[in-house]
Amino acid sequence: MAILKKVRSATLVETMVASVIIVIVFLIASLSLNNIFRGTINSDDAALRNRINELTYFVNYDKVKIPFYEDTPLWDIAIETREGEKVIEILNKKNGKKSRLKLAK
């Protein structure tokens, strides 16, 4: 009969502590990633920028009558003439940010 060596292993408490530490690290990582993704989605304004470029083109080639107002669920856009210049005013309803752009002649 062979002599069995005593195998050293971790106790149950050590294993539980290591498991808890790993779970906490993964929890923090997942919350951080969730926050990053939510911020990316909330600040995504590609559709708004596309619409502004489209309206700028329309104004430059007289395809839109000024004053022009557009109200959507995500933003309000107004194109007006002020002091002889055409101005686009944008209100982003998602974050409450207002912008004003002067159009080149």
PDB file of N, CA and C in Angstrom:
ATOM      1  N   MET A   1       0.836  -1.164   0.000  1.00  0.00           N
ATOM      2  CA  MET A   1       0.000   0.000   0.000  1.00  0.00           C
ATOM      3  C   MET A   1       0.884   1.232   0.000  1.00  0.00           C
ATOM      4  N   ALA A   2       0.547   2.146  -0.853  1.00  0.00           N
ATOM      5  CA  ALA A   2       1.354   3.352  -0.984  1.00  0.00           C
ATOM      6  C   ALA A   2       1.035   4.323   0.129  1.00  0.00           C
ATOM      7  N   ILE A   3       2.019   5.068   0.497  1.00  0.00           N
ATOM      8  CA  ILE A   3       1.824   6.098   1.513  1.00  0.00           C
ATOM      9  C   ILE A   3       1.299   7.349   0.809  1.00  0.00           C
ATOM     10  N   LEU A   4       0.170   7.822   1.257  1.00  0.00           N
ATOM     11  CA  LEU A   4      -0.436   9.009   0.655  1.00  0.00           C
ATOM     12  C   LEU A   4       0.147  10.264   1.281  1.00  0.00           C
ATOM     13  N   LYS A   5       0.520  11.205   0.429  1.00  0.00           N
ATOM     14  CA  LYS A   5       1.029  12.475   0.938  1.00  0.00           C
ATOM     15  C   LYS A   5      -0.153  13.341   1.352  1.00  0.00           C
ATOM     16  N   LYS A   6       0.076  14.153   2.354  1.00  0.00           N
ATOM     17  CA  LYS A   6      -0.955  15.082   2.791  1.00  0.00           C
ATOM     18  C   LYS A   6      -0.944  16.271   1.822  1.00  0.00           C
ATOM     19  N   VAL A   7      -2.066  16.510   1.176  1.00  0.00           N
ATOM     20  CA  VAL A   7      -2.196  17.583   0.211  1.00  0.00           C
ATOM     21  C   VAL A   7      -2.671  18.828   0.949  1.00  0.00           C
ATOM     22  N   ARG A   8      -1.886  19.908   0.771  1.00  0.00           N
ATOM     23  CA  ARG A   8      -2.264  21.156   1.423  1.00  0.00           C
ATOM     24  C   ARG A   8      -3.296  21.873   0.560  1.00  0.00           C
ATOM     25  N   SER A   9      -4.355  22.297   1.147  1.00  0.00           N
ATOM     26  CA  SER A   9      -5.389  23.002   0.390  1.00  0.00           C
ATOM     27  C   SER A   9      -5.928  24.149   1.237  1.00  0.00           C
ATOM     28  N   ALA A  10      -6.694  25.010   0.590  1.00  0.00           N
ATOM     29  CA  ALA A  10      -7.268  26.156   1.281  1.00  0.00           C
ATOM     30  C   ALA A  10      -8.460  25.704   2.112  1.00  0.00           C
ATOM     31  N   THR A  11      -8.645  26.420   3.179  1.00  0.00           N
ATOM     32  CA  THR A  11      -9.796  26.118   4.028  1.00  0.00           C
ATOM     33  C   THR A  11     -11.053  26.692   3.389  1.00  0.00           C
ATOM     34  N   LEU A  12     -12.167  26.322   3.908  1.00  0.00           N
ATOM     35  CA  LEU A  12     -13.447  26.796   3.385  1.00  0.00           C
ATOM     36  C   LEU A  12     -13.560  28.306   3.553  1.00  0.00           C
ATOM     37  N   VAL A  13     -13.097  28.844   4.643  1.00  0.00           N
ATOM     38  CA  VAL A  13     -13.181  30.281   4.885  1.00  0.00           C
ATOM     39  C   VAL A  13     -12.341  31.050   3.862  1.00  0.00           C
ATOM     40  N   GLU A  14     -11.143  30.581   3.586  1.00  0.00           N
ATOM     41  CA  GLU A  14     -10.295  31.242   2.593  1.00  0.00           C
ATOM     42  C   GLU A  14     -10.941  31.213   1.215  1.00  0.00           C
ATOM     43  N   THR A  15     -11.535  30.116   0.868  1.00  0.00           N
ATOM     44  CA  THR A  15     -12.202  29.993  -0.428  1.00  0.00           C
ATOM     45  C   THR A  15     -13.390  30.949  -0.515  1.00  0.00           C
ATOM     46  N   MET A  16     -14.165  31.055   0.555  1.00  0.00           N
ATOM     47  CA  MET A  16     -15.322  31.959   0.576  1.00  0.00           C
ATOM     48  C   MET A  16     -14.867  33.415   0.467  1.00  0.00           C
ATOM     49  N   VAL A  17     -13.805  33.793   1.163  1.00  0.00           N
ATOM     50  CA  VAL A  17     -13.301  35.168   1.105  1.00  0.00           C
ATOM     51  C   VAL A  17     -12.826  35.482  -0.314  1.00  0.00           C
ATOM     52  N   ALA A  18     -12.113  34.581  -0.930  1.00  0.00           N
ATOM     53  CA  ALA A  18     -11.648  34.789  -2.298  1.00  0.00           C
ATOM     54  C   ALA A  18     -12.836  34.923  -3.257  1.00  0.00           C
ATOM     55  N   SER A  19     -13.845  34.112  -3.074  1.00  0.00           N
ATOM     56  CA  SER A  19     -15.036  34.184  -3.935  1.00  0.00           C
ATOM     57  C   SER A  19     -15.748  35.520  -3.777  1.00  0.00           C
ATOM     58  N   VAL A  20     -15.868  36.002  -2.550  1.00  0.00           N
ATOM     59  CA  VAL A  20     -16.534  37.283  -2.291  1.00  0.00           C
ATOM     60  C   VAL A  20     -15.744  38.424  -2.937  1.00  0.00           C
ATOM     61  N   ILE A  21     -14.427  38.382  -2.830  1.00  0.00           N
ATOM     62  CA  ILE A  21     -13.595  39.428  -3.437  1.00  0.00           C
ATOM     63  C   ILE A  21     -13.778  39.431  -4.958  1.00  0.00           C
ATOM     64  N   ILE A  22     -13.792  38.266  -5.562  1.00  0.00           N
ATOM     65  CA  ILE A  22     -13.986  38.182  -7.012  1.00  0.00           C
ATOM     66  C   ILE A  22     -15.358  38.712  -7.411  1.00  0.00           C
ATOM     67  N   VAL A  23     -16.385  38.381  -6.646  1.00  0.00           N
ATOM     68  CA  VAL A  23     -17.736  38.868  -6.947  1.00  0.00           C
ATOM     69  C   VAL A  23     -17.791  40.386  -6.830  1.00  0.00           C
ATOM     70  N   ILE A  24     -17.150  40.958  -5.826  1.00  0.00           N
ATOM     71  CA  ILE A  24     -17.155  42.418  -5.647  1.00  0.00           C
ATOM     72  C   ILE A  24     -16.441  43.093  -6.815  1.00  0.00           C
ATOM     73  N   VAL A  25     -15.330  42.548  -7.244  1.00  0.00           N
ATOM     74  CA  VAL A  25     -14.601  43.127  -8.374  1.00  0.00           C
ATOM     75  C   VAL A  25     -15.462  43.089  -9.637  1.00  0.00           C
ATOM     76  N   PHE A  26     -16.126  41.976  -9.915  1.00  0.00           N
ATOM     77  CA  PHE A  26     -16.983  41.885 -11.096  1.00  0.00           C
ATOM     78  C   PHE A  26     -18.191  42.811 -10.980  1.00  0.00           C
ATOM     79  N   LEU A  27     -18.732  43.000  -9.786  1.00  0.00           N
ATOM     80  CA  LEU A  27     -19.860  43.906  -9.579  1.00  0.00           C
ATOM     81  C   LEU A  27     -19.452  45.339  -9.893  1.00  0.00           C
ATOM     82  N   ILE A  28     -18.308  45.762  -9.391  1.00  0.00           N
ATOM     83  CA  ILE A  28     -17.824  47.120  -9.663  1.00  0.00           C
ATOM     84  C   ILE A  28     -17.565  47.303 -11.160  1.00  0.00           C
ATOM     85  N   ALA A  29     -16.976  46.312 -11.788  1.00  0.00           N
ATOM     86  CA  ALA A  29     -16.702  46.402 -13.222  1.00  0.00           C
ATOM     87  C   ALA A  29     -17.995  46.496 -14.032  1.00  0.00           C
ATOM     88  N   SER A  30     -18.986  45.700 -13.682  1.00  0.00           N
ATOM     89  CA  SER A  30     -20.234  45.728 -14.441  1.00  0.00           C
ATOM     90  C   SER A  30     -20.979  47.045 -14.244  1.00  0.00           C
ATOM     91  N   LEU A  31     -20.951  47.605 -13.033  1.00  0.00           N
ATOM     92  CA  LEU A  31     -21.597  48.900 -12.809  1.00  0.00           C
ATOM     93  C   LEU A  31     -20.884  50.006 -13.579  1.00  0.00           C
ATOM     94  N   SER A  32     -19.565  49.947 -13.641  1.00  0.00           N
ATOM     95  CA  SER A  32     -18.810  50.946 -14.400  1.00  0.00           C
ATOM     96  C   SER A  32     -19.137  50.866 -15.887  1.00  0.00           C
ATOM     97  N   LEU A  33     -19.170  49.676 -16.438  1.00  0.00           N
ATOM     98  CA  LEU A  33     -19.503  49.506 -17.849  1.00  0.00           C
ATOM     99  C   LEU A  33     -20.931  49.961 -18.157  1.00  0.00           C
ATOM    100  N   ASN A  34     -21.851  49.661 -17.246  1.00  0.00           N
ATOM    101  CA  ASN A  34     -23.235  50.088 -17.418  1.00  0.00           C
ATOM    102  C   ASN A  34     -23.314  51.608 -17.461  1.00  0.00           C
ATOM    103  N   ASN A  35     -22.569  52.277 -16.587  1.00  0.00           N
ATOM    104  CA  ASN A  35     -22.562  53.733 -16.557  1.00  0.00           C
ATOM    105  C   ASN A  35     -21.980  54.301 -17.846  1.00  0.00           C
ATOM    106  N   ILE A  36     -20.921  53.695 -18.346  1.00  0.00           N
ATOM    107  CA  ILE A  36     -20.306  54.154 -19.596  1.00  0.00           C
ATOM    108  C   ILE A  36     -21.269  53.990 -20.763  1.00  0.00           C
ATOM    109  N   PHE A  37     -21.928  52.848 -20.862  1.00  0.00           N
ATOM    110  CA  PHE A  37     -22.871  52.616 -21.958  1.00  0.00           C
ATOM    111  C   PHE A  37     -24.066  53.560 -21.881  1.00  0.00           C
ATOM    112  N   ARG A  38     -24.571  53.814 -20.673  1.00  0.00           N
ATOM    113  CA  ARG A  38     -25.702  54.723 -20.517  1.00  0.00           C
ATOM    114  C   ARG A  38     -25.306  56.137 -20.933  1.00  0.00           C
ATOM    115  N   GLY A  39     -24.122  56.560 -20.565  1.00  0.00           N
ATOM    116  CA  GLY A  39     -23.643  57.881 -20.966  1.00  0.00           C
ATOM    117  C   GLY A  39     -23.477  58.000 -22.465  1.00  0.00           C
ATOM    118  N   THR A  40     -23.011  56.953 -23.089  1.00  0.00           N
ATOM    119  CA  THR A  40     -22.842  56.950 -24.543  1.00  0.00           C
ATOM    120  C   THR A  40     -24.193  57.052 -25.241  1.00  0.00           C
ATOM    121  N   ILE A  41     -25.163  56.328 -24.758  1.00  0.00           N
ATOM    122  CA  ILE A  41     -26.489  56.357 -25.373  1.00  0.00           C
ATOM    123  C   ILE A  41     -27.160  57.710 -25.165  1.00  0.00           C
ATOM    124  N   ASN A  42     -27.022  58.283 -23.968  1.00  0.00           N
ATOM    125  CA  ASN A  42     -27.655  59.571 -23.696  1.00  0.00           C
ATOM    126  C   ASN A  42     -27.015  60.706 -24.484  1.00  0.00           C
ATOM    127  N   SER A  43     -25.750  60.623 -24.775  1.00  0.00           N
ATOM    128  CA  SER A  43     -25.087  61.706 -25.492  1.00  0.00           C
ATOM    129  C   SER A  43     -25.040  61.479 -27.001  1.00  0.00           C
ATOM    130  N   ASP A  44     -25.647  60.438 -27.481  1.00  0.00           N
ATOM    131  CA  ASP A  44     -25.643  60.155 -28.913  1.00  0.00           C
ATOM    132  C   ASP A  44     -26.584  61.128 -29.615  1.00  0.00           C
ATOM    133  N   ASP A  45     -26.023  62.018 -30.379  1.00  0.00           N
ATOM    134  CA  ASP A  45     -26.829  63.005 -31.091  1.00  0.00           C
ATOM    135  C   ASP A  45     -26.562  62.979 -32.594  1.00  0.00           C
ATOM    136  N   ALA A  46     -26.241  61.817 -33.106  1.00  0.00           N
ATOM    137  CA  ALA A  46     -25.943  61.683 -34.535  1.00  0.00           C
ATOM    138  C   ALA A  46     -27.166  62.021 -35.391  1.00  0.00           C
ATOM    139  N   ALA A  47     -28.347  61.604 -34.975  1.00  0.00           N
ATOM    140  CA  ALA A  47     -29.556  61.895 -35.744  1.00  0.00           C
ATOM    141  C   ALA A  47     -29.828  63.400 -35.771  1.00  0.00           C
ATOM    142  N   LEU A  48     -29.590  64.063 -34.658  1.00  0.00           N
ATOM    143  CA  LEU A  48     -29.784  65.510 -34.599  1.00  0.00           C
ATOM    144  C   LEU A  48     -28.782  66.226 -35.507  1.00  0.00           C
ATOM    145  N   ARG A  49     -27.519  65.833 -35.459  1.00  0.00           N
ATOM    146  CA  ARG A  49     -26.513  66.448 -36.327  1.00  0.00           C
ATOM    147  C   ARG A  49     -26.835  66.218 -37.803  1.00  0.00           C
ATOM    148  N   ASN A  50     -27.337  65.036 -38.123  1.00  0.00           N
ATOM    149  CA  ASN A  50     -27.732  64.734 -39.499  1.00  0.00           C
ATOM    150  C   ASN A  50     -28.880  65.641 -39.942  1.00  0.00           C
ATOM    151  N   ARG A  51     -29.860  65.830 -39.071  1.00  0.00           N
ATOM    152  CA  ARG A  51     -31.006  66.696 -39.409  1.00  0.00           C
ATOM    153  C   ARG A  51     -30.560  68.148 -39.563  1.00  0.00           C
ATOM    154  N   ILE A  52     -29.633  68.600 -38.726  1.00  0.00           N
ATOM    155  CA  ILE A  52     -29.133  69.970 -38.834  1.00  0.00           C
ATOM    156  C   ILE A  52     -28.404  70.160 -40.166  1.00  0.00           C
ATOM    157  N   ASN A  53     -27.587  69.188 -40.550  1.00  0.00           N
ATOM    158  CA  ASN A  53     -26.898  69.280 -41.841  1.00  0.00           C
ATOM    159  C   ASN A  53     -27.886  69.310 -43.004  1.00  0.00           C
ATOM    160  N   GLU A  54     -28.925  68.503 -42.880  1.00  0.00           N
ATOM    161  CA  GLU A  54     -29.956  68.465 -43.927  1.00  0.00           C
ATOM    162  C   GLU A  54     -30.675  69.814 -44.024  1.00  0.00           C
ATOM    163  N   LEU A  55     -31.055  70.376 -42.875  1.00  0.00           N
ATOM    164  CA  LEU A  55     -31.748  71.663 -42.883  1.00  0.00           C
ATOM    165  C   LEU A  55     -30.830  72.784 -43.361  1.00  0.00           C
ATOM    166  N   THR A  56     -29.554  72.710 -43.021  1.00  0.00           N
ATOM    167  CA  THR A  56     -28.597  73.708 -43.508  1.00  0.00           C
ATOM    168  C   THR A  56     -28.533  73.689 -45.031  1.00  0.00           C
ATOM    169  N   TYR A  57     -28.498  72.508 -45.591  1.00  0.00           N
ATOM    170  CA  TYR A  57     -28.510  72.374 -47.052  1.00  0.00           C
ATOM    171  C   TYR A  57     -29.787  72.978 -47.633  1.00  0.00           C
ATOM    172  N   PHE A  58     -30.932  72.639 -47.028  1.00  0.00           N
ATOM    173  CA  PHE A  58     -32.203  73.151 -47.523  1.00  0.00           C
ATOM    174  C   PHE A  58     -32.258  74.677 -47.457  1.00  0.00           C
ATOM    175  N   VAL A  59     -31.745  75.253 -46.389  1.00  0.00           N
ATOM    176  CA  VAL A  59     -31.761  76.711 -46.249  1.00  0.00           C
ATOM    177  C   VAL A  59     -30.828  77.348 -47.277  1.00  0.00           C
ATOM    178  N   ASN A  60     -29.656  76.773 -47.469  1.00  0.00           N
ATOM    179  CA  ASN A  60     -28.697  77.346 -48.415  1.00  0.00           C
ATOM    180  C   ASN A  60     -29.214  77.322 -49.852  1.00  0.00           C
ATOM    181  N   TYR A  61     -30.044  76.351 -50.195  1.00  0.00           N
ATOM    182  CA  TYR A  61     -30.574  76.237 -51.549  1.00  0.00           C
ATOM    183  C   TYR A  61     -32.062  76.592 -51.634  1.00  0.00           C
ATOM    184  N   ASP A  62     -32.541  77.347 -50.649  1.00  0.00           N
ATOM    185  CA  ASP A  62     -33.910  77.889 -50.612  1.00  0.00           C
ATOM    186  C   ASP A  62     -34.981  76.826 -50.801  1.00  0.00           C
ATOM    187  N   LYS A  63     -34.805  75.684 -50.180  1.00  0.00           N
ATOM    188  CA  LYS A  63     -35.807  74.621 -50.214  1.00  0.00           C
ATOM    189  C   LYS A  63     -36.766  74.704 -49.025  1.00  0.00           C
ATOM    190  N   VAL A  64     -36.430  75.581 -48.057  1.00  0.00           N
ATOM    191  CA  VAL A  64     -37.238  75.742 -46.846  1.00  0.00           C
ATOM    192  C   VAL A  64     -37.567  77.222 -46.698  1.00  0.00           C
ATOM    193  N   LYS A  65     -38.818  77.500 -46.355  1.00  0.00           N
ATOM    194  CA  LYS A  65     -39.216  78.885 -46.121  1.00  0.00           C
ATOM    195  C   LYS A  65     -38.827  79.272 -44.698  1.00  0.00           C
ATOM    196  N   ILE A  66     -38.258  80.461 -44.579  1.00  0.00           N
ATOM    197  CA  ILE A  66     -37.835  80.964 -43.273  1.00  0.00           C
ATOM    198  C   ILE A  66     -38.875  81.971 -42.815  1.00  0.00           C
ATOM    199  N   PRO A  67     -39.348  81.933 -41.613  1.00  0.00           N
ATOM    200  CA  PRO A  67     -38.931  81.112 -40.464  1.00  0.00           C
ATOM    201  C   PRO A  67     -39.457  79.688 -40.570  1.00  0.00           C
ATOM    202  N   PHE A  68     -38.657  78.774 -40.042  1.00  0.00           N
ATOM    203  CA  PHE A  68     -38.967  77.347 -40.065  1.00  0.00           C
ATOM    204  C   PHE A  68     -38.894  76.832 -38.636  1.00  0.00           C
ATOM    205  N   TYR A  69     -39.913  76.071 -38.229  1.00  0.00           N
ATOM    206  CA  TYR A  69     -39.948  75.501 -36.880  1.00  0.00           C
ATOM    207  C   TYR A  69     -40.239  74.013 -36.981  1.00  0.00           C
ATOM    208  N   GLU A  70     -39.511  73.236 -36.199  1.00  0.00           N
ATOM    209  CA  GLU A  70     -39.722  71.787 -36.175  1.00  0.00           C
ATOM    210  C   GLU A  70     -39.693  71.321 -34.725  1.00  0.00           C
ATOM    211  N   ASP A  71     -40.742  70.616 -34.323  1.00  0.00           N
ATOM    212  CA  ASP A  71     -40.848  70.111 -32.956  1.00  0.00           C
ATOM    213  C   ASP A  71     -40.951  68.595 -33.016  1.00  0.00           C
ATOM    214  N   THR A  72     -39.963  67.904 -32.468  1.00  0.00           N
ATOM    215  CA  THR A  72     -39.966  66.446 -32.419  1.00  0.00           C
ATOM    216  C   THR A  72     -39.911  66.015 -30.964  1.00  0.00           C
ATOM    217  N   PRO A  73     -40.104  64.746 -30.675  1.00  0.00           N
ATOM    218  CA  PRO A  73     -40.018  64.295 -29.286  1.00  0.00           C
ATOM    219  C   PRO A  73     -38.623  64.464 -28.674  1.00  0.00           C
ATOM    220  N   LEU A  74     -37.583  64.531 -29.503  1.00  0.00           N
ATOM    221  CA  LEU A  74     -36.227  64.615 -28.971  1.00  0.00           C
ATOM    222  C   LEU A  74     -35.625  66.009 -29.036  1.00  0.00           C
ATOM    223  N   TRP A  75     -36.071  66.861 -29.974  1.00  0.00           N
ATOM    224  CA  TRP A  75     -35.477  68.191 -30.081  1.00  0.00           C
ATOM    225  C   TRP A  75     -36.436  69.172 -30.718  1.00  0.00           C
ATOM    226  N   ASP A  76     -36.176  70.459 -30.501  1.00  0.00           N
ATOM    227  CA  ASP A  76     -36.876  71.559 -31.159  1.00  0.00           C
ATOM    228  C   ASP A  76     -35.854  72.293 -32.009  1.00  0.00           C
ATOM    229  N   ILE A  77     -36.232  72.580 -33.243  1.00  0.00           N
ATOM    230  CA  ILE A  77     -35.341  73.303 -34.148  1.00  0.00           C
ATOM    231  C   ILE A  77     -36.105  74.511 -34.693  1.00  0.00           C
ATOM    232  N   ALA A  78     -35.444  75.657 -34.662  1.00  0.00           N
ATOM    233  CA  ALA A  78     -36.014  76.882 -35.220  1.00  0.00           C
ATOM    234  C   ALA A  78     -34.972  77.523 -36.122  1.00  0.00           C
ATOM    235  N   ILE A  79     -35.395  77.899 -37.332  1.00  0.00           N
ATOM    236  CA  ILE A  79     -34.530  78.624 -38.256  1.00  0.00           C
ATOM    237  C   ILE A  79     -35.176  79.979 -38.486  1.00  0.00           C
ATOM    238  N   GLU A  80     -34.442  81.026 -38.155  1.00  0.00           N
ATOM    239  CA  GLU A  80     -34.969  82.382 -38.267  1.00  0.00           C
ATOM    240  C   GLU A  80     -33.903  83.294 -38.842  1.00  0.00           C
ATOM    241  N   THR A  81     -34.345  84.483 -39.265  1.00  0.00           N
ATOM    242  CA  THR A  81     -33.408  85.510 -39.714  1.00  0.00           C
ATOM    243  C   THR A  81     -33.302  86.547 -38.609  1.00  0.00           C
ATOM    244  N   ARG A  82     -32.080  86.761 -38.131  1.00  0.00           N
ATOM    245  CA  ARG A  82     -31.838  87.757 -37.084  1.00  0.00           C
ATOM    246  C   ARG A  82     -30.682  88.646 -37.521  1.00  0.00           C
ATOM    247  N   GLU A  83     -30.950  89.932 -37.532  1.00  0.00           N
ATOM    248  CA  GLU A  83     -29.934  90.921 -37.894  1.00  0.00           C
ATOM    249  C   GLU A  83     -29.318  90.611 -39.261  1.00  0.00           C
ATOM    250  N   GLY A  84     -30.149  90.174 -40.184  1.00  0.00           N
ATOM    251  CA  GLY A  84     -29.694  89.896 -41.533  1.00  0.00           C
ATOM    252  C   GLY A  84     -28.989  88.564 -41.715  1.00  0.00           C
ATOM    253  N   GLU A  85     -28.872  87.764 -40.659  1.00  0.00           N
ATOM    254  CA  GLU A  85     -28.214  86.457 -40.749  1.00  0.00           C
ATOM    255  C   GLU A  85     -29.212  85.355 -40.432  1.00  0.00           C
ATOM    256  N   LYS A  86     -29.039  84.240 -41.092  1.00  0.00           N
ATOM    257  CA  LYS A  86     -29.877  83.073 -40.825  1.00  0.00           C
ATOM    258  C   LYS A  86     -29.289  82.312 -39.649  1.00  0.00           C
ATOM    259  N   VAL A  87     -30.142  82.012 -38.677  1.00  0.00           N
ATOM    260  CA  VAL A  87     -29.703  81.380 -37.430  1.00  0.00           C
ATOM    261  C   VAL A  87     -30.540  80.131 -37.185  1.00  0.00           C
ATOM    262  N   ILE A  88     -29.859  79.045 -36.803  1.00  0.00           N
ATOM    263  CA  ILE A  88     -30.547  77.819 -36.391  1.00  0.00           C
ATOM    264  C   ILE A  88     -30.414  77.709 -34.880  1.00  0.00           C
ATOM    265  N   GLU A  89     -31.542  77.585 -34.198  1.00  0.00           N
ATOM    266  CA  GLU A  89     -31.547  77.378 -32.750  1.00  0.00           C
ATOM    267  C   GLU A  89     -32.057  75.974 -32.468  1.00  0.00           C
ATOM    268  N   ILE A  90     -31.327  75.250 -31.628  1.00  0.00           N
ATOM    269  CA  ILE A  90     -31.659  73.862 -31.332  1.00  0.00           C
ATOM    270  C   ILE A  90     -31.801  73.698 -29.830  1.00  0.00           C
ATOM    271  N   LEU A  91     -32.869  73.017 -29.411  1.00  0.00           N
ATOM    272  CA  LEU A  91     -33.037  72.624 -28.015  1.00  0.00           C
ATOM    273  C   LEU A  91     -33.098  71.107 -27.984  1.00  0.00           C
ATOM    274  N   ASN A  92     -32.092  70.492 -27.373  1.00  0.00           N
ATOM    275  CA  ASN A  92     -32.069  69.039 -27.223  1.00  0.00           C
ATOM    276  C   ASN A  92     -32.880  68.697 -25.976  1.00  0.00           C
ATOM    277  N   LYS A  93     -34.007  68.027 -26.147  1.00  0.00           N
ATOM    278  CA  LYS A  93     -34.899  67.742 -25.027  1.00  0.00           C
ATOM    279  C   LYS A  93     -34.366  66.650 -24.108  1.00  0.00           C
ATOM    280  N   LYS A  94     -33.443  65.803 -24.613  1.00  0.00           N
ATOM    281  CA  LYS A  94     -32.899  64.739 -23.772  1.00  0.00           C
ATOM    282  C   LYS A  94     -32.036  65.297 -22.655  1.00  0.00           C
ATOM    283  N   ASN A  95     -31.204  66.278 -22.991  1.00  0.00           N
ATOM    284  CA  ASN A  95     -30.297  66.801 -21.968  1.00  0.00           C
ATOM    285  C   ASN A  95     -30.503  68.287 -21.692  1.00  0.00           C
ATOM    286  N   GLY A  96     -31.468  68.927 -22.345  1.00  0.00           N
ATOM    287  CA  GLY A  96     -31.773  70.331 -22.091  1.00  0.00           C
ATOM    288  C   GLY A  96     -30.749  71.303 -22.647  1.00  0.00           C
ATOM    289  N   LYS A  97     -29.886  70.847 -23.524  1.00  0.00           N
ATOM    290  CA  LYS A  97     -28.826  71.678 -24.074  1.00  0.00           C
ATOM    291  C   LYS A  97     -29.358  72.531 -25.229  1.00  0.00           C
ATOM    292  N   LYS A  98     -29.056  73.840 -25.172  1.00  0.00           N
ATOM    293  CA  LYS A  98     -29.460  74.755 -26.234  1.00  0.00           C
ATOM    294  C   LYS A  98     -28.227  75.119 -27.052  1.00  0.00           C
ATOM    295  N   SER A  99     -28.429  75.241 -28.373  1.00  0.00           N
ATOM    296  CA  SER A  99     -27.345  75.629 -29.270  1.00  0.00           C
ATOM    297  C   SER A  99     -27.875  76.611 -30.291  1.00  0.00           C
ATOM    298  N   ARG A 100     -26.976  77.492 -30.749  1.00  0.00           N
ATOM    299  CA  ARG A 100     -27.330  78.449 -31.786  1.00  0.00           C
ATOM    300  C   ARG A 100     -26.217  78.432 -32.822  1.00  0.00           C
ATOM    301  N   LEU A 101     -26.599  78.255 -34.084  1.00  0.00           N
ATOM    302  CA  LEU A 101     -25.635  78.210 -35.184  1.00  0.00           C
ATOM    303  C   LEU A 101     -25.981  79.296 -36.186  1.00  0.00           C
ATOM    304  N   LYS A 102     -24.969  80.059 -36.586  1.00  0.00           N
ATOM    305  CA  LYS A 102     -25.154  81.032 -37.656  1.00  0.00           C
ATOM    306  C   LYS A 102     -24.767  80.370 -38.965  1.00  0.00           C
ATOM    307  N   LEU A 103     -25.616  80.524 -39.956  1.00  0.00           N
ATOM    308  CA  LEU A 103     -25.355  79.916 -41.257  1.00  0.00           C
ATOM    309  C   LEU A 103     -24.554  80.871 -42.138  1.00  0.00           C
ATOM    310  N   ALA A 104     -23.616  80.306 -42.860  1.00  0.00           N
ATOM    311  CA  ALA A 104     -22.805  81.096 -43.775  1.00  0.00           C
ATOM    312  C   ALA A 104     -23.648  81.469 -44.982  1.00  0.00           C
ATOM    313  N   LYS A 105     -23.326  82.592 -45.545  1.00  0.00           N
ATOM    314  CA  LYS A 105     -24.086  83.040 -46.718  1.00  0.00           C
ATOM    315  C   LYS A 105     -23.551  82.413 -47.973  1.00  0.00           C
TER     316      LYS A 105
END
